[in-house]
Amino acid sequence: PYYVDINQNLFLQAYLHSSDSNLVLFVDTCVASPTPNNFTTVTYDIIRNGCVRDSTYSTYYSPYSHMARFKFNAFQFIQHSPLVYLQCELVVCRAYDYSSRCYQGCITRSKREASS
């Protein structure tokens, strides 16, 4: 566990250990939950499909393409335990493959039109 106070900046870094220097790391989704085994019932999206959902989220410069750095403010779920669990999904792509997921950024789904 990592202990922080409410609203304290929480800094995270993901690093891809590989001998291939032509790989890029992309943070696709990070979801918080008050329980360690359920990330579907009560959750809070920090970033989803590359789209920032939390206003305190920001990325930081990384000297390496195989390293992702970001931060957000620590929070607590109301009426739950003081613990918050984080689950992140990262994507690994080939560098300079601009058709890959890593270079698409935020993906929003188009809404279907409801007929009258």
Protein backbone atom coordinates (compact mmCIF):
# COMPACT_ATOMS: atom_id res chain seq x y z
CA PRO A 1 0.00 0.00 0.00
CA TYR A 2 0.95 3.59 -0.60
CA TYR A 3 -0.43 6.08 1.93
CA VAL A 4 -1.42 9.60 0.87
CA ASP A 5 -3.70 12.32 2.16
CA ILE A 6 -6.86 13.44 0.39
CA ASN A 7 -6.09 15.91 -2.45
CA GLN A 8 -2.37 15.12 -2.27
CA ASN A 9 -0.77 14.66 -5.69
CA LEU A 10 -0.22 11.03 -6.50
CA PHE A 11 2.54 10.51 -9.07
CA LEU A 12 2.72 7.31 -11.10
CA GLN A 13 5.18 5.95 -13.60
CA ALA A 14 4.95 2.89 -15.82
CA TYR A 15 8.05 1.50 -17.45
CA LEU A 16 8.27 -1.14 -20.17
CA HIS A 17 11.26 -3.41 -19.65
CA SER A 18 12.32 -4.45 -23.13
CA SER A 19 15.48 -4.56 -25.20
CA ASP A 20 13.46 -3.20 -28.16
CA SER A 21 13.93 0.58 -28.11
CA ASN A 22 11.31 1.07 -30.84
CA LEU A 23 8.35 0.56 -28.51
CA VAL A 24 5.97 3.21 -27.20
CA LEU A 25 3.87 3.01 -24.03
CA PHE A 26 0.38 4.57 -23.93
CA VAL A 27 -1.91 4.94 -20.90
CA ASP A 28 -5.32 3.92 -22.23
CA THR A 29 -7.47 3.51 -19.10
CA CYS A 30 -7.08 3.98 -15.34
CA VAL A 31 -10.01 3.19 -13.08
CA ALA A 32 -10.26 3.47 -9.30
CA SER A 33 -12.39 1.25 -7.06
CA PRO A 34 -13.01 0.95 -3.30
CA THR A 35 -12.52 -2.83 -3.58
CA PRO A 36 -9.53 -4.71 -5.00
CA ASN A 37 -11.48 -7.30 -7.01
CA ASN A 38 -14.35 -5.33 -8.54
CA PHE A 39 -13.66 -2.63 -11.11
CA THR A 40 -17.16 -2.59 -12.59
CA THR A 41 -19.74 -1.84 -9.84
CA VAL A 42 -18.51 1.24 -7.93
CA THR A 43 -15.74 2.90 -9.91
CA TYR A 44 -14.25 6.25 -10.78
CA ASP A 45 -12.65 6.84 -14.17
CA ILE A 46 -9.41 8.77 -14.14
CA ILE A 47 -8.74 8.15 -17.82
CA ARG A 48 -10.86 5.98 -20.15
CA ASN A 49 -10.03 5.07 -23.76
CA GLY A 50 -7.29 7.71 -23.73
CA CYS A 51 -9.79 10.41 -22.65
CA VAL A 52 -9.06 12.24 -19.41
CA ARG A 53 -12.03 12.01 -17.01
CA ASP A 54 -10.48 13.54 -13.89
CA SER A 55 -9.63 17.24 -13.98
CA THR A 56 -6.60 16.71 -11.71
CA TYR A 57 -5.01 14.21 -14.14
CA SER A 58 -2.00 15.38 -16.09
CA THR A 59 0.88 13.75 -17.90
CA TYR A 60 4.54 14.50 -17.38
CA TYR A 61 7.39 14.56 -19.82
CA SER A 62 9.33 11.33 -20.11
CA PRO A 63 12.75 11.14 -21.76
CA TYR A 64 11.87 7.63 -22.95
CA SER A 65 8.99 6.52 -25.17
CA HIS A 66 8.72 3.27 -23.21
CA MET A 67 7.93 5.18 -19.99
CA ALA A 68 4.63 6.87 -19.08
CA ARG A 69 4.39 9.41 -16.25
CA PHE A 70 1.23 10.97 -14.88
CA LYS A 71 -0.40 12.30 -11.72
CA PHE A 72 -3.80 12.93 -10.19
CA ASN A 73 -5.10 14.07 -6.81
CA ALA A 74 -5.77 11.39 -4.23
CA PHE A 75 -9.41 10.96 -3.23
CA GLN A 76 -11.68 8.71 -1.21
CA PHE A 77 -14.96 7.02 -2.12
CA ILE A 78 -17.79 8.38 0.03
CA GLN A 79 -19.33 5.84 2.46
CA HIS A 80 -16.66 3.25 1.74
CA SER A 81 -13.40 2.25 3.29
CA PRO A 82 -10.56 4.77 3.12
CA LEU A 83 -8.75 2.51 0.63
CA VAL A 84 -8.72 3.16 -3.11
CA TYR A 85 -7.48 0.59 -5.60
CA LEU A 86 -6.21 1.54 -9.02
CA GLN A 87 -6.25 -0.56 -12.19
CA CYS A 88 -4.62 0.77 -15.34
CA GLU A 89 -4.50 -0.58 -18.87
CA LEU A 90 -1.51 0.37 -20.96
CA VAL A 91 -0.89 -0.28 -24.63
CA VAL A 92 2.46 -1.11 -26.21
CA CYS A 93 2.95 -0.08 -29.85
CA ARG A 94 5.71 0.21 -32.38
CA ALA A 95 7.24 3.67 -32.47
CA TYR A 96 6.16 5.79 -35.44
CA ASP A 97 3.28 3.45 -36.34
CA TYR A 98 0.78 6.28 -36.53
CA SER A 99 -2.11 3.92 -37.23
CA SER A 100 -1.59 2.16 -33.89
CA ARG A 101 -3.66 2.75 -30.76
CA CYS A 102 -0.83 4.68 -29.10
CA TYR A 103 -1.09 7.51 -31.63
CA GLN A 104 -4.90 7.74 -31.74
CA GLY A 105 -5.26 9.52 -28.40
CA CYS A 106 -8.76 9.97 -26.98
CA ILE A 107 -11.35 7.72 -28.58
CA THR A 108 -14.99 8.61 -28.07
CA ARG A 109 -17.73 6.32 -29.21
CA SER A 110 -20.35 7.84 -31.45
CA LYS A 111 -23.84 7.73 -30.00
CA ARG A 112 -26.61 5.97 -31.85
CA GLU A 113 -29.65 7.91 -32.87
CA ALA A 114 -32.82 6.77 -31.18
CA SER A 115 -35.79 6.54 -33.48
CA SER A 116 -39.04 8.19 -32.40
